[in-house]
Amino acid sequence: MTHILVAVLDLGGTFVFAISGAVAAVKNRLDIFGVMVLAFAAGNVGGITRDLLIGAIPPAAISSLSYLDVSILAGLIVFFRDPLVTRHNNTVLWFDAVGLAFFAVAGSEKALVHGLNPVMAALLGMLTGIGGGMLRDVLVMQIPTVLRSDLYALAALVGAAIVVGGHMLHIHAVATTVVGGLACFALRYMAIRHGWHLPSARASGEGK
């Protein structure tokens, strides 16, 4: 049951993050090949990194064609239906927030299945959530969202920690993943909508 849950969350996160990658590619005027590359990279690099670190080799995104199919589907949807998907300026942020929630809970759940301790499972969940978005931003030459002063990695960590906490309390995995995913998305939603952010560094001499 848990393996099915992780697979469903993984594929859901892959699809949503692939859309965010494809939208970023279209906004930067990449060709169709570039759109597909960015869709696959954004949708899968977080899960691949997680699987390599926990010893789930070969990673699911490489051993199963489902991940490639989902990424290509997302890329094609964006490429051929671009105005419908990119109508709003914050499209990438919203899809990114949904993907972050999917991957944060899926990453921590899979880490627990592979026997990692709770602290590392939560950190792996966070890493799974932020990995795809980081590579997407780097490939289009933007400062990764996770390095900016809004609630991104923290939101992923909260979602992952809820999953881990539920596991330690022997709460059903479906319940904890739903609550953890909603908590992660809610934090990102509020951060995007209301400008919530962590303290940022000041440049030398600023504020004097």
N, C-alpha and C. Protein backbone atom coordinates (compact mmCIF):
# COMPACT_ATOMS: atom_id res chain seq x y z
N MET A 1 0.83 -1.20 0.00
CA MET A 1 0.00 0.00 0.00
C MET A 1 0.86 1.25 0.00
N THR A 2 1.88 1.26 0.86
CA THR A 2 2.75 2.43 0.95
C THR A 2 3.50 2.66 -0.35
N HIS A 3 3.95 1.56 -0.99
CA HIS A 3 4.67 1.69 -2.25
C HIS A 3 3.78 2.29 -3.34
N ILE A 4 2.50 1.91 -3.34
CA ILE A 4 1.56 2.47 -4.31
C ILE A 4 1.35 3.95 -4.04
N LEU A 5 1.22 4.31 -2.77
CA LEU A 5 1.04 5.71 -2.38
C LEU A 5 2.22 6.55 -2.83
N VAL A 6 3.43 6.06 -2.59
CA VAL A 6 4.64 6.80 -2.99
C VAL A 6 4.69 6.96 -4.51
N ALA A 7 4.35 5.90 -5.24
CA ALA A 7 4.38 5.95 -6.70
C ALA A 7 3.38 6.98 -7.23
N VAL A 8 2.17 7.00 -6.66
CA VAL A 8 1.15 7.95 -7.09
C VAL A 8 1.60 9.38 -6.80
N LEU A 9 2.13 9.62 -5.60
CA LEU A 9 2.61 10.96 -5.25
C LEU A 9 3.78 11.37 -6.13
N ASP A 10 4.67 10.42 -6.40
CA ASP A 10 5.82 10.70 -7.24
C ASP A 10 5.39 11.12 -8.65
N LEU A 11 4.47 10.37 -9.23
CA LEU A 11 4.01 10.68 -10.58
C LEU A 11 3.23 11.99 -10.61
N GLY A 12 2.44 12.24 -9.57
CA GLY A 12 1.73 13.51 -9.48
C GLY A 12 2.68 14.68 -9.38
N GLY A 13 3.69 14.55 -8.52
CA GLY A 13 4.69 15.60 -8.39
C GLY A 13 5.49 15.79 -9.66
N THR A 14 5.82 14.69 -10.33
CA THR A 14 6.55 14.76 -11.59
C THR A 14 5.77 15.55 -12.63
N PHE A 15 4.47 15.27 -12.75
CA PHE A 15 3.64 15.95 -13.73
C PHE A 15 3.56 17.45 -13.45
N VAL A 16 3.32 17.81 -12.20
CA VAL A 16 3.15 19.22 -11.85
C VAL A 16 4.46 19.98 -11.99
N PHE A 17 5.56 19.40 -11.50
CA PHE A 17 6.85 20.06 -11.63
C PHE A 17 7.27 20.13 -13.10
N ALA A 18 6.94 19.10 -13.89
CA ALA A 18 7.26 19.13 -15.31
C ALA A 18 6.53 20.29 -16.00
N ILE A 19 5.29 20.53 -15.60
CA ILE A 19 4.56 21.68 -16.14
C ILE A 19 5.27 22.98 -15.78
N SER A 20 5.72 23.10 -14.53
CA SER A 20 6.40 24.33 -14.13
C SER A 20 7.69 24.51 -14.92
N GLY A 21 8.40 23.40 -15.19
CA GLY A 21 9.61 23.49 -15.99
C GLY A 21 9.31 23.89 -17.42
N ALA A 22 8.26 23.31 -18.00
CA ALA A 22 7.88 23.64 -19.37
C ALA A 22 7.42 25.08 -19.49
N VAL A 23 6.68 25.57 -18.50
CA VAL A 23 6.24 26.97 -18.51
C VAL A 23 7.44 27.90 -18.47
N ALA A 24 8.41 27.59 -17.62
CA ALA A 24 9.63 28.41 -17.55
C ALA A 24 10.36 28.39 -18.88
N ALA A 25 10.39 27.23 -19.55
CA ALA A 25 11.06 27.12 -20.85
C ALA A 25 10.35 27.97 -21.90
N VAL A 26 9.01 27.91 -21.92
CA VAL A 26 8.25 28.70 -22.89
C VAL A 26 8.45 30.19 -22.65
N LYS A 27 8.43 30.60 -21.40
CA LYS A 27 8.62 32.02 -21.09
C LYS A 27 10.00 32.51 -21.50
N ASN A 28 10.97 31.61 -21.54
CA ASN A 28 12.32 31.97 -21.97
C ASN A 28 12.56 31.64 -23.45
N ARG A 29 11.47 31.35 -24.18
CA ARG A 29 11.49 31.15 -25.63
C ARG A 29 12.39 30.00 -26.08
N LEU A 30 12.39 28.90 -25.34
CA LEU A 30 13.12 27.71 -25.76
C LEU A 30 12.31 26.99 -26.83
N ASP A 31 13.00 26.20 -27.66
CA ASP A 31 12.29 25.42 -28.67
C ASP A 31 11.66 24.19 -28.02
N ILE A 32 10.98 23.38 -28.84
CA ILE A 32 10.23 22.26 -28.27
C ILE A 32 11.15 21.26 -27.57
N PHE A 33 12.36 21.07 -28.11
CA PHE A 33 13.30 20.16 -27.43
C PHE A 33 13.70 20.73 -26.07
N GLY A 34 13.96 22.03 -26.02
CA GLY A 34 14.31 22.66 -24.75
C GLY A 34 13.18 22.57 -23.75
N VAL A 35 11.95 22.69 -24.22
CA VAL A 35 10.78 22.56 -23.34
C VAL A 35 10.73 21.17 -22.74
N MET A 36 10.97 20.15 -23.56
CA MET A 36 10.92 18.76 -23.07
C MET A 36 12.06 18.50 -22.07
N VAL A 37 13.24 19.01 -22.39
CA VAL A 37 14.38 18.82 -21.48
C VAL A 37 14.09 19.46 -20.13
N LEU A 38 13.59 20.69 -20.15
CA LEU A 38 13.34 21.39 -18.89
C LEU A 38 12.19 20.73 -18.13
N ALA A 39 11.19 20.23 -18.86
CA ALA A 39 10.08 19.53 -18.20
C ALA A 39 10.58 18.28 -17.49
N PHE A 40 11.42 17.50 -18.18
CA PHE A 40 11.93 16.27 -17.55
C PHE A 40 12.85 16.60 -16.38
N ALA A 41 13.72 17.58 -16.55
CA ALA A 41 14.66 17.94 -15.49
C ALA A 41 13.93 18.41 -14.24
N ALA A 42 12.98 19.33 -14.42
CA ALA A 42 12.24 19.85 -13.28
C ALA A 42 11.40 18.78 -12.60
N GLY A 43 10.85 17.88 -13.40
CA GLY A 43 9.95 16.87 -12.86
C GLY A 43 10.63 15.70 -12.20
N ASN A 44 11.91 15.47 -12.50
CA ASN A 44 12.52 14.22 -12.06
C ASN A 44 13.81 14.33 -11.25
N VAL A 45 14.50 15.46 -11.30
CA VAL A 45 15.81 15.50 -10.66
C VAL A 45 15.71 15.35 -9.14
N GLY A 46 14.64 15.86 -8.53
CA GLY A 46 14.49 15.71 -7.09
C GLY A 46 14.33 14.26 -6.68
N GLY A 47 13.48 13.53 -7.42
CA GLY A 47 13.28 12.12 -7.12
C GLY A 47 14.51 11.28 -7.42
N ILE A 48 15.22 11.60 -8.49
CA ILE A 48 16.44 10.86 -8.83
C ILE A 48 17.49 11.04 -7.74
N THR A 49 17.66 12.27 -7.29
CA THR A 49 18.63 12.55 -6.22
C THR A 49 18.28 11.79 -4.95
N ARG A 50 17.01 11.81 -4.59
CA ARG A 50 16.55 11.08 -3.40
C ARG A 50 16.83 9.59 -3.52
N ASP A 51 16.47 9.01 -4.66
CA ASP A 51 16.65 7.57 -4.84
C ASP A 51 18.13 7.17 -4.78
N LEU A 52 18.99 7.98 -5.37
CA LEU A 52 20.43 7.69 -5.30
C LEU A 52 20.94 7.73 -3.87
N LEU A 53 20.46 8.69 -3.08
CA LEU A 53 20.94 8.85 -1.71
C LEU A 53 20.44 7.73 -0.79
N ILE A 54 19.26 7.18 -1.06
CA ILE A 54 18.74 6.13 -0.19
C ILE A 54 19.06 4.73 -0.74
N GLY A 55 19.74 4.67 -1.87
CA GLY A 55 20.12 3.38 -2.43
C GLY A 55 19.05 2.68 -3.23
N ALA A 56 18.02 3.43 -3.67
CA ALA A 56 16.98 2.84 -4.52
C ALA A 56 17.45 2.93 -5.97
N ILE A 57 18.29 1.98 -6.36
CA ILE A 57 18.95 2.02 -7.67
C ILE A 57 18.47 0.86 -8.53
N PRO A 58 18.20 1.13 -9.84
CA PRO A 58 18.22 2.45 -10.49
C PRO A 58 17.04 3.29 -10.03
N PRO A 59 17.18 4.62 -10.07
CA PRO A 59 16.08 5.48 -9.65
C PRO A 59 14.81 5.21 -10.43
N ALA A 60 13.67 5.41 -9.79
CA ALA A 60 12.38 5.12 -10.42
C ALA A 60 12.19 5.90 -11.72
N ALA A 61 12.68 7.14 -11.75
CA ALA A 61 12.51 7.99 -12.94
C ALA A 61 13.27 7.45 -14.14
N ILE A 62 14.25 6.58 -13.90
CA ILE A 62 15.05 6.00 -14.98
C ILE A 62 14.58 4.58 -15.30
N SER A 63 14.20 3.84 -14.28
CA SER A 63 13.81 2.44 -14.49
C SER A 63 12.40 2.28 -15.03
N SER A 64 11.55 3.30 -14.89
CA SER A 64 10.17 3.23 -15.36
C SER A 64 9.90 4.30 -16.41
N LEU A 65 9.32 3.90 -17.53
CA LEU A 65 8.99 4.86 -18.59
C LEU A 65 7.85 5.79 -18.20
N SER A 66 7.13 5.45 -17.14
CA SER A 66 5.99 6.27 -16.73
C SER A 66 6.42 7.70 -16.43
N TYR A 67 7.58 7.88 -15.82
CA TYR A 67 8.05 9.21 -15.46
C TYR A 67 8.39 10.02 -16.70
N LEU A 68 9.02 9.38 -17.68
CA LEU A 68 9.32 10.06 -18.94
C LEU A 68 8.02 10.41 -19.67
N ASP A 69 7.08 9.48 -19.69
CA ASP A 69 5.80 9.72 -20.37
C ASP A 69 5.06 10.90 -19.75
N VAL A 70 5.02 10.94 -18.42
CA VAL A 70 4.33 12.02 -17.71
C VAL A 70 5.01 13.36 -17.99
N SER A 71 6.34 13.36 -18.01
CA SER A 71 7.09 14.59 -18.27
C SER A 71 6.84 15.10 -19.68
N ILE A 72 6.85 14.19 -20.67
CA ILE A 72 6.61 14.58 -22.06
C ILE A 72 5.18 15.10 -22.23
N LEU A 73 4.23 14.43 -21.59
CA LEU A 73 2.83 14.87 -21.65
C LEU A 73 2.69 16.29 -21.12
N ALA A 74 3.32 16.56 -19.97
CA ALA A 74 3.25 17.90 -19.39
C ALA A 74 3.89 18.92 -20.32
N GLY A 75 5.03 18.57 -20.90
CA GLY A 75 5.71 19.48 -21.81
C GLY A 75 4.87 19.78 -23.05
N LEU A 76 4.22 18.75 -23.61
CA LEU A 76 3.39 18.95 -24.80
C LEU A 76 2.17 19.81 -24.49
N ILE A 77 1.57 19.58 -23.32
CA ILE A 77 0.41 20.38 -22.93
C ILE A 77 0.77 21.85 -22.89
N VAL A 78 1.91 22.15 -22.26
CA VAL A 78 2.33 23.55 -22.16
C VAL A 78 2.71 24.11 -23.51
N PHE A 79 3.44 23.33 -24.31
CA PHE A 79 3.93 23.84 -25.59
C PHE A 79 2.79 24.15 -26.56
N PHE A 80 1.78 23.29 -26.61
CA PHE A 80 0.70 23.47 -27.57
C PHE A 80 -0.51 24.21 -27.01
N ARG A 81 -0.58 24.32 -25.68
CA ARG A 81 -1.68 25.06 -25.06
C ARG A 81 -1.13 26.19 -24.20
N ASP A 82 -0.08 26.78 -24.66
CA ASP A 82 0.66 27.77 -23.87
C ASP A 82 -0.21 28.89 -23.30
N PRO A 83 -1.06 29.57 -24.07
CA PRO A 83 -1.86 30.67 -23.51
C PRO A 83 -2.76 30.25 -22.35
N LEU A 84 -3.27 28.99 -22.41
CA LEU A 84 -4.14 28.52 -21.34
C LEU A 84 -3.38 28.29 -20.05
N VAL A 85 -2.10 27.90 -20.15
CA VAL A 85 -1.32 27.53 -18.97
C VAL A 85 -0.55 28.71 -18.41
N THR A 86 -0.10 29.60 -19.30
CA THR A 86 0.78 30.70 -18.86
C THR A 86 0.06 32.05 -18.84
N ARG A 87 -1.25 32.01 -18.69
CA ARG A 87 -2.03 33.25 -18.73
C ARG A 87 -1.66 34.19 -17.59
N HIS A 88 -1.33 33.64 -16.44
CA HIS A 88 -1.01 34.46 -15.28
C HIS A 88 0.50 34.50 -15.05
N ASN A 89 0.97 35.61 -14.54
CA ASN A 89 2.41 35.80 -14.34
C ASN A 89 3.01 34.82 -13.35
N ASN A 90 2.22 34.38 -12.36
CA ASN A 90 2.76 33.51 -11.31
C ASN A 90 2.46 32.03 -11.56
N THR A 91 2.23 31.67 -12.82
CA THR A 91 1.90 30.28 -13.14
C THR A 91 2.96 29.31 -12.63
N VAL A 92 4.23 29.63 -12.89
CA VAL A 92 5.31 28.75 -12.45
C VAL A 92 5.29 28.58 -10.94
N LEU A 93 5.04 29.67 -10.21
CA LEU A 93 5.04 29.60 -8.75
C LEU A 93 3.93 28.70 -8.23
N TRP A 94 2.75 28.78 -8.84
CA TRP A 94 1.63 27.98 -8.35
C TRP A 94 1.83 26.50 -8.64
N PHE A 95 2.25 26.17 -9.86
CA PHE A 95 2.54 24.77 -10.16
C PHE A 95 3.70 24.26 -9.31
N ASP A 96 4.67 25.12 -9.08
CA ASP A 96 5.82 24.77 -8.25
C ASP A 96 5.37 24.45 -6.82
N ALA A 97 4.41 25.21 -6.31
CA ALA A 97 3.92 24.99 -4.95
C ALA A 97 3.23 23.64 -4.83
N VAL A 98 2.43 23.28 -5.84
CA VAL A 98 1.75 21.98 -5.82
C VAL A 98 2.77 20.85 -5.92
N GLY A 99 3.74 20.99 -6.84
CA GLY A 99 4.77 19.97 -6.98
C GLY A 99 5.60 19.82 -5.73
N LEU A 100 5.90 20.94 -5.08
CA LEU A 100 6.66 20.92 -3.84
C LEU A 100 5.94 20.08 -2.79
N ALA A 101 4.63 20.26 -2.68
CA ALA A 101 3.84 19.50 -1.69
C ALA A 101 3.86 18.01 -2.00
N PHE A 102 3.65 17.66 -3.27
CA PHE A 102 3.68 16.25 -3.67
C PHE A 102 5.02 15.60 -3.31
N PHE A 103 6.10 16.23 -3.73
CA PHE A 103 7.42 15.63 -3.58
C PHE A 103 7.92 15.63 -2.14
N ALA A 104 7.57 16.63 -1.36
CA ALA A 104 8.04 16.68 0.03
C ALA A 104 7.51 15.48 0.82
N VAL A 105 6.22 15.18 0.63
CA VAL A 105 5.63 14.07 1.38
C VAL A 105 6.04 12.72 0.78
N ALA A 106 6.14 12.66 -0.56
CA ALA A 106 6.55 11.41 -1.20
C ALA A 106 7.99 11.08 -0.85
N GLY A 107 8.85 12.10 -0.83
CA GLY A 107 10.26 11.87 -0.52
C GLY A 107 10.47 11.35 0.88
N SER A 108 9.80 11.95 1.84
CA SER A 108 9.96 11.51 3.22
C SER A 108 9.36 10.12 3.43
N GLU A 109 8.23 9.84 2.77
CA GLU A 109 7.59 8.53 2.90
C GLU A 109 8.49 7.44 2.32
N LYS A 110 9.09 7.69 1.16
CA LYS A 110 9.96 6.69 0.55
C LYS A 110 11.23 6.49 1.37
N ALA A 111 11.74 7.57 1.95
CA ALA A 111 12.92 7.45 2.81
C ALA A 111 12.62 6.59 4.03
N LEU A 112 11.43 6.74 4.59
CA LEU A 112 11.03 5.92 5.74
C LEU A 112 10.91 4.45 5.34
N VAL A 113 10.35 4.19 4.16
CA VAL A 113 10.21 2.81 3.67
C VAL A 113 11.57 2.15 3.54
N HIS A 114 12.59 2.93 3.18
CA HIS A 114 13.94 2.39 3.01
C HIS A 114 14.75 2.41 4.30
N GLY A 115 14.10 2.68 5.42
CA GLY A 115 14.74 2.52 6.72
C GLY A 115 15.55 3.68 7.24
N LEU A 116 15.42 4.87 6.65
CA LEU A 116 16.16 6.02 7.17
C LEU A 116 15.57 6.46 8.50
N ASN A 117 16.42 7.07 9.34
CA ASN A 117 15.92 7.58 10.62
C ASN A 117 15.04 8.80 10.36
N PRO A 118 14.17 9.16 11.31
CA PRO A 118 13.19 10.22 11.08
C PRO A 118 13.78 11.56 10.65
N VAL A 119 14.89 11.97 11.25
CA VAL A 119 15.48 13.27 10.90
C VAL A 119 15.93 13.28 9.45
N MET A 120 16.65 12.26 9.04
CA MET A 120 17.14 12.19 7.67
C MET A 120 15.99 12.00 6.67
N ALA A 121 14.95 11.30 7.08
CA ALA A 121 13.79 11.13 6.20
C ALA A 121 13.13 12.48 5.93
N ALA A 122 13.01 13.32 6.95
CA ALA A 122 12.43 14.65 6.77
C ALA A 122 13.31 15.50 5.85
N LEU A 123 14.62 15.43 6.05
CA LEU A 123 15.53 16.20 5.20
C LEU A 123 15.51 15.71 3.76
N LEU A 124 15.38 14.39 3.58
CA LEU A 124 15.29 13.84 2.23
C LEU A 124 13.99 14.28 1.55
N GLY A 125 12.92 14.37 2.35
CA GLY A 125 11.66 14.88 1.80
C GLY A 125 11.82 16.31 1.32
N MET A 126 12.49 17.13 2.11
CA MET A 126 12.72 18.51 1.71
C MET A 126 13.57 18.57 0.44
N LEU A 127 14.63 17.77 0.39
CA LEU A 127 15.51 17.75 -0.77
C LEU A 127 14.76 17.31 -2.04
N THR A 128 13.91 16.32 -1.90
CA THR A 128 13.12 15.86 -3.04
C THR A 128 12.24 16.99 -3.56
N GLY A 129 11.68 17.76 -2.63
CA GLY A 129 10.79 18.84 -3.02
C GLY A 129 11.50 19.99 -3.72
N ILE A 130 12.69 20.34 -3.28
CA ILE A 130 13.35 21.53 -3.81
C ILE A 130 14.26 21.25 -5.01
N GLY A 131 14.62 19.98 -5.23
CA GLY A 131 15.61 19.65 -6.26
C GLY A 131 15.22 20.06 -7.66
N GLY A 132 14.01 19.68 -8.09
CA GLY A 132 13.58 19.97 -9.44
C GLY A 132 13.47 21.46 -9.72
N GLY A 133 12.93 22.20 -8.75
CA GLY A 133 12.80 23.64 -8.92
C GLY A 133 14.15 24.34 -9.01
N MET A 134 15.11 23.85 -8.24
CA MET A 134 16.45 24.45 -8.28
C MET A 134 17.07 24.28 -9.67
N LEU A 135 17.03 23.06 -10.22
CA LEU A 135 17.63 22.83 -11.53
C LEU A 135 16.90 23.62 -12.61
N ARG A 136 15.58 23.66 -12.52
CA ARG A 136 14.79 24.44 -13.49
C ARG A 136 15.24 25.89 -13.53
N ASP A 137 15.38 26.49 -12.35
CA ASP A 137 15.77 27.90 -12.29
C ASP A 137 17.20 28.11 -12.79
N VAL A 138 18.09 27.18 -12.45
CA VAL A 138 19.48 27.29 -12.91
C VAL A 138 19.56 27.20 -14.43
N LEU A 139 18.78 26.30 -15.04
CA LEU A 139 18.84 26.12 -16.49
C LEU A 139 18.32 27.32 -17.26
N VAL A 140 17.44 28.12 -16.64
CA VAL A 140 16.97 29.35 -17.31
C VAL A 140 17.67 30.58 -16.73
N MET A 141 18.77 30.33 -16.03
CA MET A 141 19.65 31.38 -15.52
C MET A 141 18.94 32.35 -14.57
N GLN A 142 18.21 31.77 -13.61
CA GLN A 142 17.59 32.55 -12.55
C GLN A 142 18.13 32.09 -11.21
N ILE A 143 18.10 32.98 -10.23
CA ILE A 143 18.46 32.58 -8.87
C ILE A 143 17.40 31.59 -8.39
N PRO A 144 17.80 30.38 -7.96
CA PRO A 144 16.80 29.38 -7.52
C PRO A 144 15.87 29.94 -6.46
N THR A 145 14.59 29.61 -6.59
CA THR A 145 13.59 30.10 -5.65
C THR A 145 13.95 29.74 -4.22
N VAL A 146 14.54 28.57 -4.02
CA VAL A 146 14.86 28.12 -2.66
C VAL A 146 15.88 29.03 -1.99
N LEU A 147 16.67 29.77 -2.77
CA LEU A 147 17.69 30.65 -2.21
C LEU A 147 17.18 32.06 -1.98
N ARG A 148 15.95 32.32 -2.40
CA ARG A 148 15.38 33.64 -2.17
C ARG A 148 14.72 33.66 -0.80
N SER A 149 14.24 34.83 -0.40
CA SER A 149 13.77 34.99 0.98
C SER A 149 12.27 34.73 1.12
N ASP A 150 11.76 33.65 0.53
CA ASP A 150 10.38 33.28 0.79
C ASP A 150 10.33 31.85 1.34
N LEU A 151 9.18 31.44 1.81
CA LEU A 151 9.06 30.15 2.47
C LEU A 151 8.97 29.04 1.42
N TYR A 152 10.09 28.43 1.11
CA TYR A 152 10.13 27.39 0.09
C TYR A 152 10.64 26.09 0.69
N ALA A 153 11.93 26.06 1.01
CA ALA A 153 12.49 24.87 1.65
C ALA A 153 11.82 24.63 3.00
N LEU A 154 11.50 25.70 3.72
CA LEU A 154 10.85 25.56 5.03
C LEU A 154 9.48 24.90 4.88
N ALA A 155 8.72 25.29 3.85
CA ALA A 155 7.42 24.69 3.61
C ALA A 155 7.56 23.19 3.33
N ALA A 156 8.56 22.84 2.51
CA ALA A 156 8.80 21.42 2.21
C ALA A 156 9.19 20.66 3.47
N LEU A 157 10.01 21.27 4.31
CA LEU A 157 10.44 20.61 5.53
C LEU A 157 9.28 20.39 6.49
N VAL A 158 8.38 21.35 6.57
CA VAL A 158 7.20 21.20 7.43
C VAL A 158 6.34 20.05 6.96
N GLY A 159 6.08 19.98 5.65
CA GLY A 159 5.29 18.88 5.11
C GLY A 159 5.93 17.54 5.35
N ALA A 160 7.25 17.46 5.14
CA ALA A 160 7.97 16.21 5.35
C ALA A 160 7.97 15.83 6.83
N ALA A 161 8.13 16.82 7.71
CA ALA A 161 8.16 16.54 9.15
C ALA A 161 6.82 16.00 9.65
N ILE A 162 5.72 16.47 9.06
CA ILE A 162 4.40 15.95 9.44
C ILE A 162 4.27 14.48 9.07
N VAL A 163 4.78 14.12 7.89
CA VAL A 163 4.75 12.72 7.48
C VAL A 163 5.58 11.86 8.43
N VAL A 164 6.77 12.34 8.76
CA VAL A 164 7.65 11.60 9.67
C VAL A 164 7.03 11.49 11.06
N GLY A 165 6.46 12.59 11.55
CA GLY A 165 5.82 12.56 12.86
C GLY A 165 4.66 11.59 12.91
N GLY A 166 3.87 11.57 11.84
CA GLY A 166 2.76 10.62 11.78
C GLY A 166 3.25 9.18 11.77
N HIS A 167 4.37 8.93 11.07
CA HIS A 167 4.95 7.59 11.04
C HIS A 167 5.37 7.16 12.45
N MET A 168 6.00 8.08 13.19
CA MET A 168 6.45 7.75 14.53
C MET A 168 5.28 7.50 15.47
N LEU A 169 4.14 8.15 15.20
CA LEU A 169 2.94 7.97 16.04
C LEU A 169 2.04 6.86 15.51
N HIS A 170 2.51 6.17 14.46
CA HIS A 170 1.77 5.05 13.87
C HIS A 170 0.41 5.47 13.31
N ILE A 171 0.38 6.68 12.74
CA ILE A 171 -0.83 7.16 12.05
C ILE A 171 -0.76 6.68 10.61
N HIS A 172 -1.89 6.38 10.03
CA HIS A 172 -1.93 5.84 8.67
C HIS A 172 -1.22 6.78 7.69
N ALA A 173 -0.46 6.19 6.78
CA ALA A 173 0.36 6.97 5.86
C ALA A 173 -0.46 7.91 4.98
N VAL A 174 -1.63 7.46 4.55
CA VAL A 174 -2.46 8.31 3.69
C VAL A 174 -2.86 9.59 4.41
N ALA A 175 -3.24 9.46 5.67
CA ALA A 175 -3.65 10.63 6.45
C ALA A 175 -2.50 11.62 6.62
N THR A 176 -1.32 11.12 6.95
CA THR A 176 -0.19 12.02 7.18
C THR A 176 0.29 12.67 5.89
N THR A 177 0.23 11.94 4.77
CA THR A 177 0.66 12.55 3.51
C THR A 177 -0.31 13.63 3.06
N VAL A 178 -1.60 13.42 3.29
CA VAL A 178 -2.60 14.43 2.93
C VAL A 178 -2.39 15.69 3.78
N VAL A 179 -2.27 15.50 5.10
CA VAL A 179 -2.08 16.65 5.99
C VAL A 179 -0.74 17.34 5.71
N GLY A 180 0.32 16.56 5.53
CA GLY A 180 1.62 17.13 5.25
C GLY A 180 1.64 17.89 3.94
N GLY A 181 1.04 17.32 2.91
CA GLY A 181 0.99 17.99 1.61
C GLY A 181 0.19 19.28 1.67
N LEU A 182 -0.93 19.25 2.35
CA LEU A 182 -1.75 20.47 2.48
C LEU A 182 -1.02 21.55 3.28
N ALA A 183 -0.31 21.14 4.33
CA ALA A 183 0.43 22.11 5.14
C ALA A 183 1.54 22.76 4.32
N CYS A 184 2.24 21.96 3.53
CA CYS A 184 3.30 22.47 2.67
C CYS A 184 2.75 23.46 1.66
N PHE A 185 1.67 23.07 0.99
CA PHE A 185 1.07 23.96 -0.02
C PHE A 185 0.54 25.23 0.62
N ALA A 186 -0.09 25.10 1.79
CA ALA A 186 -0.65 26.28 2.46
C ALA A 186 0.43 27.29 2.80
N LEU A 187 1.56 26.82 3.29
CA LEU A 187 2.66 27.74 3.61
C LEU A 187 3.17 28.46 2.37
N ARG A 188 3.34 27.71 1.27
CA ARG A 188 3.80 28.33 0.03
C ARG A 188 2.76 29.30 -0.51
N TYR A 189 1.49 28.91 -0.40
CA TYR A 189 0.41 29.78 -0.88
C TYR A 189 0.42 31.11 -0.14
N MET A 190 0.51 31.03 1.18
CA MET A 190 0.52 32.25 1.99
C MET A 190 1.76 33.09 1.72
N ALA A 191 2.89 32.42 1.51
CA ALA A 191 4.13 33.15 1.22
C ALA A 191 4.03 33.89 -0.10
N ILE A 192 3.46 33.23 -1.13
CA ILE A 192 3.32 33.86 -2.44
C ILE A 192 2.28 34.97 -2.38
N ARG A 193 1.19 34.69 -1.72
CA ARG A 193 0.05 35.64 -1.71
C ARG A 193 0.33 36.86 -0.84
N HIS A 194 0.99 36.65 0.29
CA HIS A 194 1.15 37.74 1.26
C HIS A 194 2.60 38.19 1.44
N GLY A 195 3.51 37.62 0.67
CA GLY A 195 4.90 38.05 0.75
C GLY A 195 5.62 37.62 2.01
N TRP A 196 5.18 36.53 2.62
CA TRP A 196 5.89 36.02 3.80
C TRP A 196 7.29 35.59 3.39
N HIS A 197 8.25 35.89 4.23
CA HIS A 197 9.62 35.51 3.91
C HIS A 197 10.47 35.44 5.17
N LEU A 198 11.57 34.75 5.06
CA LEU A 198 12.54 34.67 6.14
C LEU A 198 13.44 35.90 6.07
N PRO A 199 14.12 36.24 7.16
CA PRO A 199 15.06 37.37 7.11
C PRO A 199 16.13 37.13 6.05
N SER A 200 16.46 38.17 5.29
CA SER A 200 17.48 38.05 4.26
C SER A 200 18.71 38.85 4.65
N ALA A 201 19.85 38.46 4.07
CA ALA A 201 21.10 39.13 4.39
C ALA A 201 21.12 40.54 3.84
N ARG A 202 21.74 41.44 4.57
CA ARG A 202 21.92 42.82 4.10
C ARG A 202 23.28 42.99 3.48
N ALA A 203 23.31 43.79 2.43
CA ALA A 203 24.60 44.08 1.80
C ALA A 203 25.42 44.96 2.74
N SER A 204 26.72 44.91 2.59
CA SER A 204 27.62 45.69 3.44
C SER A 204 27.30 47.18 3.33
N GLY A 205 27.07 47.80 4.48
CA GLY A 205 26.78 49.23 4.51
C GLY A 205 25.31 49.56 4.39
N GLU A 206 24.47 48.60 4.09
CA GLU A 206 23.04 48.85 3.93
C GLU A 206 22.40 49.16 5.27
N GLY A 207 21.55 50.15 5.28
CA GLY A 207 20.82 50.52 6.48
C GLY A 207 21.54 51.53 7.35
N LYS A 208 22.74 51.95 6.93
CA LYS A 208 23.46 52.95 7.72
C LYS A 208 23.02 54.34 7.32
